[in-house]
Amino acid sequence: MEAATTRDPELWRLAKARAKFKSHLFTYLVVNTLLWVIWFLTDDYTGGPFGRRGFHIPWPVWPTVFWGFGVLMSGIRVYSSFGGQLSEREYERLVRQREAR
């Protein structure tokens, strides 16, 4: 139990966020692979996207793109230091502001 009390709270928060992101990414990949397989096996447009009925956009494109955008934004937030730098700069600005009073 001693290890739990000596954890750095910020690193622990970051570790949990990254684990959550990895789980979300894995779910995204599995579900979207399944959607594409279902589309491929049930597509009535024989011959692929340029089948006998002309060009069409496969329906799994929509969940893949929009859900993928959400996963991408989550990954950028969790793995980049962009948000942390902004928070740190804002904190330092507030500290300087308080000290100037």
N, C-alpha and C. Protein backbone atom coordinates (compact mmCIF):
# COMPACT_ATOMS: atom_id res chain seq x y z
N MET A 1 0.81 -1.20 0.00
CA MET A 1 0.00 0.00 0.00
C MET A 1 0.85 1.26 0.00
N GLU A 2 2.09 1.14 0.41
CA GLU A 2 2.94 2.31 0.50
C GLU A 2 3.18 2.94 -0.88
N ALA A 3 3.26 2.14 -1.93
CA ALA A 3 3.51 2.66 -3.28
C ALA A 3 2.38 3.59 -3.72
N ALA A 4 1.16 3.30 -3.32
CA ALA A 4 0.02 4.13 -3.72
C ALA A 4 0.11 5.52 -3.10
N THR A 5 0.66 5.63 -1.93
CA THR A 5 0.73 6.94 -1.27
C THR A 5 1.91 7.77 -1.77
N THR A 6 2.90 7.14 -2.40
CA THR A 6 4.07 7.88 -2.86
C THR A 6 3.98 8.24 -4.35
N ARG A 7 2.85 7.97 -4.98
CA ARG A 7 2.68 8.31 -6.39
C ARG A 7 2.65 9.81 -6.59
N ASP A 8 3.24 10.23 -7.69
CA ASP A 8 3.13 11.62 -8.12
C ASP A 8 1.73 11.78 -8.72
N PRO A 9 0.88 12.63 -8.16
CA PRO A 9 -0.51 12.73 -8.64
C PRO A 9 -0.61 13.12 -10.12
N GLU A 10 0.28 13.98 -10.58
CA GLU A 10 0.23 14.41 -11.98
C GLU A 10 0.61 13.26 -12.92
N LEU A 11 1.66 12.51 -12.56
CA LEU A 11 2.05 11.37 -13.38
C LEU A 11 0.99 10.27 -13.35
N TRP A 12 0.36 10.08 -12.21
CA TRP A 12 -0.69 9.08 -12.09
C TRP A 12 -1.88 9.46 -12.98
N ARG A 13 -2.25 10.76 -12.99
CA ARG A 13 -3.34 11.23 -13.83
C ARG A 13 -3.00 11.01 -15.31
N LEU A 14 -1.75 11.32 -15.68
CA LEU A 14 -1.31 11.15 -17.06
C LEU A 14 -1.30 9.68 -17.45
N ALA A 15 -0.84 8.82 -16.56
CA ALA A 15 -0.81 7.38 -16.84
C ALA A 15 -2.23 6.84 -17.04
N LYS A 16 -3.18 7.27 -16.22
CA LYS A 16 -4.56 6.83 -16.38
C LYS A 16 -5.15 7.34 -17.69
N ALA A 17 -4.85 8.58 -18.05
CA ALA A 17 -5.36 9.14 -19.30
C ALA A 17 -4.81 8.39 -20.51
N ARG A 18 -3.53 8.05 -20.46
CA ARG A 18 -2.92 7.31 -21.58
C ARG A 18 -3.47 5.89 -21.67
N ALA A 19 -3.69 5.25 -20.53
CA ALA A 19 -4.27 3.90 -20.54
C ALA A 19 -5.69 3.95 -21.12
N LYS A 20 -6.45 4.96 -20.75
CA LYS A 20 -7.81 5.13 -21.27
C LYS A 20 -7.77 5.36 -22.78
N PHE A 21 -6.83 6.17 -23.25
CA PHE A 21 -6.69 6.42 -24.69
C PHE A 21 -6.36 5.13 -25.43
N LYS A 22 -5.42 4.35 -24.90
CA LYS A 22 -5.04 3.09 -25.56
C LYS A 22 -6.22 2.13 -25.65
N SER A 23 -7.03 2.09 -24.62
CA SER A 23 -8.23 1.26 -24.63
C SER A 23 -9.21 1.75 -25.70
N HIS A 24 -9.40 3.07 -25.78
CA HIS A 24 -10.28 3.67 -26.77
C HIS A 24 -9.78 3.39 -28.18
N LEU A 25 -8.47 3.51 -28.40
CA LEU A 25 -7.88 3.24 -29.71
C LEU A 25 -8.07 1.78 -30.10
N PHE A 26 -7.86 0.87 -29.18
CA PHE A 26 -8.05 -0.55 -29.46
C PHE A 26 -9.50 -0.83 -29.85
N THR A 27 -10.45 -0.27 -29.10
CA THR A 27 -11.88 -0.44 -29.41
C THR A 27 -12.19 0.12 -30.79
N TYR A 28 -11.66 1.30 -31.10
CA TYR A 28 -11.86 1.92 -32.41
C TYR A 28 -11.38 1.00 -33.53
N LEU A 29 -10.18 0.46 -33.38
CA LEU A 29 -9.62 -0.41 -34.42
C LEU A 29 -10.43 -1.69 -34.59
N VAL A 30 -10.81 -2.31 -33.51
CA VAL A 30 -11.57 -3.56 -33.59
C VAL A 30 -12.95 -3.33 -34.21
N VAL A 31 -13.67 -2.33 -33.71
CA VAL A 31 -15.03 -2.08 -34.20
C VAL A 31 -15.00 -1.66 -35.67
N ASN A 32 -14.07 -0.79 -36.04
CA ASN A 32 -14.04 -0.34 -37.43
C ASN A 32 -13.59 -1.45 -38.37
N THR A 33 -12.69 -2.30 -37.94
CA THR A 33 -12.33 -3.46 -38.75
C THR A 33 -13.55 -4.33 -38.97
N LEU A 34 -14.32 -4.57 -37.93
CA LEU A 34 -15.55 -5.36 -38.04
C LEU A 34 -16.55 -4.70 -38.99
N LEU A 35 -16.71 -3.38 -38.90
CA LEU A 35 -17.63 -2.68 -39.80
C LEU A 35 -17.21 -2.81 -41.26
N TRP A 36 -15.91 -2.70 -41.53
CA TRP A 36 -15.43 -2.83 -42.90
C TRP A 36 -15.59 -4.26 -43.41
N VAL A 37 -15.37 -5.23 -42.56
CA VAL A 37 -15.57 -6.63 -42.96
C VAL A 37 -17.04 -6.88 -43.28
N ILE A 38 -17.93 -6.37 -42.44
CA ILE A 38 -19.37 -6.52 -42.70
C ILE A 38 -19.73 -5.87 -44.02
N TRP A 39 -19.22 -4.66 -44.25
CA TRP A 39 -19.52 -3.98 -45.52
C TRP A 39 -19.00 -4.80 -46.70
N PHE A 40 -17.78 -5.29 -46.59
CA PHE A 40 -17.18 -6.05 -47.69
C PHE A 40 -17.98 -7.31 -47.99
N LEU A 41 -18.43 -7.99 -46.94
CA LEU A 41 -19.15 -9.25 -47.14
C LEU A 41 -20.61 -9.06 -47.58
N THR A 42 -21.19 -7.92 -47.30
CA THR A 42 -22.61 -7.71 -47.61
C THR A 42 -22.85 -6.67 -48.69
N ASP A 43 -21.80 -6.11 -49.26
CA ASP A 43 -21.96 -5.05 -50.26
C ASP A 43 -22.66 -5.61 -51.49
N ASP A 44 -23.75 -4.96 -51.88
CA ASP A 44 -24.47 -5.43 -53.07
C ASP A 44 -23.95 -4.76 -54.34
N TYR A 45 -22.97 -3.91 -54.19
CA TYR A 45 -22.34 -3.29 -55.35
C TYR A 45 -21.16 -4.17 -55.75
N THR A 46 -21.43 -5.15 -56.55
CA THR A 46 -20.36 -6.08 -56.92
C THR A 46 -19.26 -5.35 -57.68
N GLY A 47 -18.05 -5.76 -57.45
CA GLY A 47 -16.92 -5.16 -58.13
C GLY A 47 -16.28 -4.01 -57.38
N GLY A 48 -16.55 -3.87 -56.10
CA GLY A 48 -15.92 -2.83 -55.30
C GLY A 48 -16.63 -1.50 -55.44
N PRO A 49 -15.94 -0.40 -55.15
CA PRO A 49 -16.60 0.91 -55.14
C PRO A 49 -17.07 1.37 -56.53
N PHE A 50 -16.52 0.79 -57.61
CA PHE A 50 -16.96 1.14 -58.96
C PHE A 50 -17.74 -0.02 -59.58
N GLY A 51 -18.64 -0.58 -58.82
CA GLY A 51 -19.41 -1.73 -59.27
C GLY A 51 -20.43 -1.38 -60.33
N ARG A 52 -21.34 -2.28 -60.56
CA ARG A 52 -22.30 -2.13 -61.65
C ARG A 52 -23.24 -0.94 -61.46
N ARG A 53 -23.36 -0.43 -60.26
CA ARG A 53 -24.24 0.72 -60.02
C ARG A 53 -23.48 2.05 -60.01
N GLY A 54 -22.22 2.04 -60.37
CA GLY A 54 -21.43 3.26 -60.39
C GLY A 54 -20.72 3.49 -59.07
N PHE A 55 -20.10 4.64 -58.97
CA PHE A 55 -19.32 4.98 -57.78
C PHE A 55 -20.23 5.18 -56.57
N HIS A 56 -19.81 4.67 -55.45
CA HIS A 56 -20.53 4.93 -54.20
C HIS A 56 -19.51 4.97 -53.06
N ILE A 57 -19.88 5.67 -52.01
CA ILE A 57 -19.02 5.76 -50.83
C ILE A 57 -19.46 4.67 -49.87
N PRO A 58 -18.54 3.81 -49.46
CA PRO A 58 -18.91 2.76 -48.51
C PRO A 58 -19.39 3.37 -47.19
N TRP A 59 -20.45 2.83 -46.62
CA TRP A 59 -21.01 3.41 -45.40
C TRP A 59 -20.06 3.37 -44.20
N PRO A 60 -19.10 2.42 -44.10
CA PRO A 60 -18.20 2.46 -42.93
C PRO A 60 -17.26 3.67 -42.92
N VAL A 61 -17.21 4.40 -44.03
CA VAL A 61 -16.35 5.59 -44.05
C VAL A 61 -16.77 6.56 -42.96
N TRP A 62 -18.06 6.74 -42.77
CA TRP A 62 -18.55 7.77 -41.84
C TRP A 62 -18.16 7.49 -40.39
N PRO A 63 -18.42 6.31 -39.84
CA PRO A 63 -17.95 6.10 -38.45
C PRO A 63 -16.43 6.09 -38.34
N THR A 64 -15.75 5.59 -39.38
CA THR A 64 -14.29 5.54 -39.34
C THR A 64 -13.72 6.96 -39.29
N VAL A 65 -14.22 7.85 -40.12
CA VAL A 65 -13.69 9.21 -40.18
C VAL A 65 -14.03 10.02 -38.92
N PHE A 66 -15.32 10.03 -38.55
CA PHE A 66 -15.71 10.90 -37.43
C PHE A 66 -15.24 10.37 -36.09
N TRP A 67 -15.34 9.08 -35.87
CA TRP A 67 -14.83 8.50 -34.63
C TRP A 67 -13.30 8.62 -34.61
N GLY A 68 -12.68 8.42 -35.77
CA GLY A 68 -11.23 8.55 -35.88
C GLY A 68 -10.75 9.95 -35.53
N PHE A 69 -11.52 10.96 -35.93
CA PHE A 69 -11.17 12.34 -35.57
C PHE A 69 -11.18 12.51 -34.05
N GLY A 70 -12.19 11.93 -33.40
CA GLY A 70 -12.25 12.00 -31.94
C GLY A 70 -11.08 11.29 -31.28
N VAL A 71 -10.71 10.13 -31.82
CA VAL A 71 -9.57 9.39 -31.28
C VAL A 71 -8.28 10.18 -31.49
N LEU A 72 -8.13 10.79 -32.66
CA LEU A 72 -6.95 11.59 -32.95
C LEU A 72 -6.84 12.77 -31.98
N MET A 73 -7.92 13.48 -31.76
CA MET A 73 -7.89 14.62 -30.85
C MET A 73 -7.56 14.17 -29.42
N SER A 74 -8.10 13.04 -29.03
CA SER A 74 -7.81 12.50 -27.70
C SER A 74 -6.33 12.15 -27.58
N GLY A 75 -5.78 11.52 -28.60
CA GLY A 75 -4.37 11.16 -28.59
C GLY A 75 -3.46 12.38 -28.53
N ILE A 76 -3.82 13.41 -29.29
CA ILE A 76 -3.02 14.64 -29.26
C ILE A 76 -3.06 15.27 -27.87
N ARG A 77 -4.25 15.27 -27.27
CA ARG A 77 -4.39 15.86 -25.94
C ARG A 77 -3.57 15.09 -24.91
N VAL A 78 -3.59 13.77 -24.99
CA VAL A 78 -2.94 12.94 -23.98
C VAL A 78 -1.42 12.86 -24.19
N TYR A 79 -0.97 12.78 -25.44
CA TYR A 79 0.44 12.55 -25.69
C TYR A 79 1.24 13.80 -26.02
N SER A 80 0.60 14.90 -26.31
CA SER A 80 1.38 16.11 -26.59
C SER A 80 1.52 16.93 -25.31
N SER A 81 2.51 17.76 -25.30
CA SER A 81 2.68 18.63 -24.14
C SER A 81 2.02 19.98 -24.38
N PHE A 82 1.31 20.11 -25.48
CA PHE A 82 0.68 21.38 -25.84
C PHE A 82 -0.23 21.89 -24.72
N GLY A 83 -1.17 21.05 -24.28
CA GLY A 83 -2.09 21.46 -23.22
C GLY A 83 -1.39 21.73 -21.91
N GLY A 84 -0.38 20.93 -21.60
CA GLY A 84 0.36 21.12 -20.36
C GLY A 84 1.14 22.42 -20.36
N GLN A 85 1.72 22.77 -21.51
CA GLN A 85 2.47 24.03 -21.60
C GLN A 85 1.54 25.21 -21.43
N LEU A 86 0.35 25.14 -22.00
CA LEU A 86 -0.59 26.24 -21.85
C LEU A 86 -0.99 26.39 -20.38
N SER A 87 -1.27 25.27 -19.73
CA SER A 87 -1.66 25.32 -18.32
C SER A 87 -0.53 25.87 -17.47
N GLU A 88 0.67 25.43 -17.76
CA GLU A 88 1.83 25.88 -16.98
C GLU A 88 2.06 27.38 -17.17
N ARG A 89 1.96 27.85 -18.41
CA ARG A 89 2.14 29.29 -18.67
C ARG A 89 1.05 30.11 -17.99
N GLU A 90 -0.18 29.62 -18.04
CA GLU A 90 -1.29 30.35 -17.40
C GLU A 90 -1.08 30.39 -15.89
N TYR A 91 -0.65 29.28 -15.31
CA TYR A 91 -0.37 29.23 -13.87
C TYR A 91 0.72 30.24 -13.50
N GLU A 92 1.81 30.24 -14.28
CA GLU A 92 2.91 31.17 -14.00
C GLU A 92 2.44 32.62 -14.14
N ARG A 93 1.58 32.90 -15.11
CA ARG A 93 1.06 34.25 -15.29
C ARG A 93 0.24 34.66 -14.07
N LEU A 94 -0.58 33.75 -13.57
CA LEU A 94 -1.40 34.06 -12.40
C LEU A 94 -0.54 34.27 -11.16
N VAL A 95 0.53 33.49 -11.02
CA VAL A 95 1.44 33.66 -9.88
C VAL A 95 2.11 35.02 -9.94
N ARG A 96 2.58 35.40 -11.12
CA ARG A 96 3.20 36.72 -11.28
C ARG A 96 2.20 37.83 -10.99
N GLN A 97 0.97 37.64 -11.42
CA GLN A 97 -0.08 38.63 -11.20
C GLN A 97 -0.34 38.80 -9.70
N ARG A 98 -0.38 37.69 -8.97
CA ARG A 98 -0.62 37.73 -7.53
C ARG A 98 0.54 38.42 -6.82
N GLU A 99 1.77 38.10 -7.23
CA GLU A 99 2.95 38.69 -6.60
C GLU A 99 3.05 40.20 -6.85
N ALA A 100 2.50 40.65 -7.97
CA ALA A 100 2.55 42.08 -8.30
C ALA A 100 1.62 42.89 -7.44
N ARG A 101 0.66 42.30 -6.79
CA ARG A 101 -0.31 43.02 -5.95
C ARG A 101 0.29 43.50 -4.69
